[in-house]
């Protein structure tokens, strides 16, 4: 199942935005405890990014890029 990545707009608490992933039609956000399901629609201003851009974001933010392979499957 394909995973698409998105990046939210920058905010004071998240100057480089937040990383989102869509897998099986379900939206997730990368949080300190892993991927959390996000209820509701995609946030306004979130833009699609490539896997490579998501890996770069992870590395810059100090996250293990392997987390990109751990987006949960929908139940």
C-alpha atoms as a PDB file:
ATOM      1  CA  UNK A   1       0.000   0.000   0.000  1.00  0.00           C
ATOM      2  CA  UNK A   2       1.444   3.350  -1.042  1.00  0.00           C
ATOM      3  CA  UNK A   3       2.165   6.089   1.464  1.00  0.00           C
ATOM      4  CA  UNK A   4       1.981   9.766   0.535  1.00  0.00           C
ATOM      5  CA  UNK A   5       3.731  12.441   2.588  1.00  0.00           C
ATOM      6  CA  UNK A   6       2.711  16.007   3.300  1.00  0.00           C
ATOM      7  CA  UNK A   7       4.243  18.904   5.175  1.00  0.00           C
ATOM      8  CA  UNK A   8       2.180  21.429   7.097  1.00  0.00           C
ATOM      9  CA  UNK A   9       2.859  25.130   7.085  1.00  0.00           C
ATOM     10  CA  UNK A  10       5.419  26.421   9.551  1.00  0.00           C
ATOM     11  CA  UNK A  11       4.111  27.508  12.946  1.00  0.00           C
ATOM     12  CA  UNK A  12       5.781  28.969  16.011  1.00  0.00           C
ATOM     13  CA  UNK A  13       5.947  25.560  17.736  1.00  0.00           C
ATOM     14  CA  UNK A  14       6.970  23.815  14.492  1.00  0.00           C
ATOM     15  CA  UNK A  15       9.149  26.199  12.451  1.00  0.00           C
ATOM     16  CA  UNK A  16       9.703  23.581   9.714  1.00  0.00           C
ATOM     17  CA  UNK A  17       6.113  22.331   9.770  1.00  0.00           C
ATOM     18  CA  UNK A  18       4.857  18.890  10.775  1.00  0.00           C
ATOM     19  CA  UNK A  19       5.218  15.736   8.771  1.00  0.00           C
ATOM     20  CA  UNK A  20       1.999  14.006   7.759  1.00  0.00           C
ATOM     21  CA  UNK A  21       1.453  10.711   5.973  1.00  0.00           C
ATOM     22  CA  UNK A  22      -1.567   9.248   4.213  1.00  0.00           C
ATOM     23  CA  UNK A  23      -1.805   5.481   3.984  1.00  0.00           C
ATOM     24  CA  UNK A  24      -4.920   3.617   2.989  1.00  0.00           C
ATOM     25  CA  UNK A  25      -6.851   6.889   2.999  1.00  0.00           C
ATOM     26  CA  UNK A  26      -6.014   7.549   6.665  1.00  0.00           C
ATOM     27  CA  UNK A  27      -4.114  10.685   7.726  1.00  0.00           C
ATOM     28  CA  UNK A  28      -1.317  10.438  10.322  1.00  0.00           C
ATOM     29  CA  UNK A  29       1.037  12.947  11.967  1.00  0.00           C
ATOM     30  CA  UNK A  30       4.532  12.108  13.169  1.00  0.00           C
ATOM     31  CA  UNK A  31       4.554  12.660  16.939  1.00  0.00           C
ATOM     32  CA  UNK A  32       7.095  11.912  19.701  1.00  0.00           C
ATOM     33  CA  UNK A  33       5.480   8.521  20.304  1.00  0.00           C
ATOM     34  CA  UNK A  34       5.272   7.572  16.609  1.00  0.00           C
ATOM     35  CA  UNK A  35       2.504   8.027  14.066  1.00  0.00           C
ATOM     36  CA  UNK A  36      -0.837   9.291  15.420  1.00  0.00           C
ATOM     37  CA  UNK A  37      -4.094   9.203  13.472  1.00  0.00           C
ATOM     38  CA  UNK A  38      -5.465  12.645  12.642  1.00  0.00           C
ATOM     39  CA  UNK A  39      -9.229  13.029  12.599  1.00  0.00           C
ATOM     40  CA  UNK A  40     -10.849  15.241  10.037  1.00  0.00           C
ATOM     41  CA  UNK A  41      -9.635  16.595   6.730  1.00  0.00           C
ATOM     42  CA  UNK A  42      -6.109  17.411   5.660  1.00  0.00           C
ATOM     43  CA  UNK A  43      -4.937  20.655   7.295  1.00  0.00           C
ATOM     44  CA  UNK A  44      -5.173  23.778   5.162  1.00  0.00           C
ATOM     45  CA  UNK A  45      -1.856  24.636   3.601  1.00  0.00           C
ATOM     46  CA  UNK A  46      -0.376  21.124   3.888  1.00  0.00           C
ATOM     47  CA  UNK A  47       1.536  20.414   0.709  1.00  0.00           C
ATOM     48  CA  UNK A  48       2.561  17.107  -0.830  1.00  0.00           C
ATOM     49  CA  UNK A  49       6.258  16.239  -0.624  1.00  0.00           C
ATOM     50  CA  UNK A  50       8.316  13.397  -2.037  1.00  0.00           C
ATOM     51  CA  UNK A  51       9.711  10.510  -0.025  1.00  0.00           C
ATOM     52  CA  UNK A  52      13.164  12.060  -0.429  1.00  0.00           C
ATOM     53  CA  UNK A  53      11.938  15.395   0.963  1.00  0.00           C
ATOM     54  CA  UNK A  54      10.322  13.538   3.876  1.00  0.00           C
ATOM     55  CA  UNK A  55      13.633  11.774   4.578  1.00  0.00           C
ATOM     56  CA  UNK A  56      15.458  15.134   4.501  1.00  0.00           C
ATOM     57  CA  UNK A  57      12.885  16.607   6.898  1.00  0.00           C
ATOM     58  CA  UNK A  58      13.374  13.672   9.298  1.00  0.00           C
ATOM     59  CA  UNK A  59      17.150  14.000   9.240  1.00  0.00           C
ATOM     60  CA  UNK A  60      17.017  17.773   9.800  1.00  0.00           C
ATOM     61  CA  UNK A  61      14.585  17.353  12.713  1.00  0.00           C
ATOM     62  CA  UNK A  62      16.596  14.510  14.274  1.00  0.00           C
ATOM     63  CA  UNK A  63      14.078  11.743  13.478  1.00  0.00           C
ATOM     64  CA  UNK A  64      15.082   8.353  12.121  1.00  0.00           C
ATOM     65  CA  UNK A  65      14.035   8.271   8.427  1.00  0.00           C
ATOM     66  CA  UNK A  66      13.126   4.586   8.951  1.00  0.00           C
ATOM     67  CA  UNK A  67       9.954   5.908  10.633  1.00  0.00           C
ATOM     68  CA  UNK A  68       8.659   6.623   7.135  1.00  0.00           C
ATOM     69  CA  UNK A  69       8.308   2.858   6.674  1.00  0.00           C
ATOM     70  CA  UNK A  70       6.274   2.502   9.861  1.00  0.00           C
ATOM     71  CA  UNK A  71       3.129   4.423   8.976  1.00  0.00           C
ATOM     72  CA  UNK A  72       0.335   2.147  10.266  1.00  0.00           C
ATOM     73  CA  UNK A  73      -1.976   0.301   7.935  1.00  0.00           C
ATOM     74  CA  UNK A  74      -5.667   1.129   8.355  1.00  0.00           C
ATOM     75  CA  UNK A  75      -7.559  -1.389  10.448  1.00  0.00           C
END
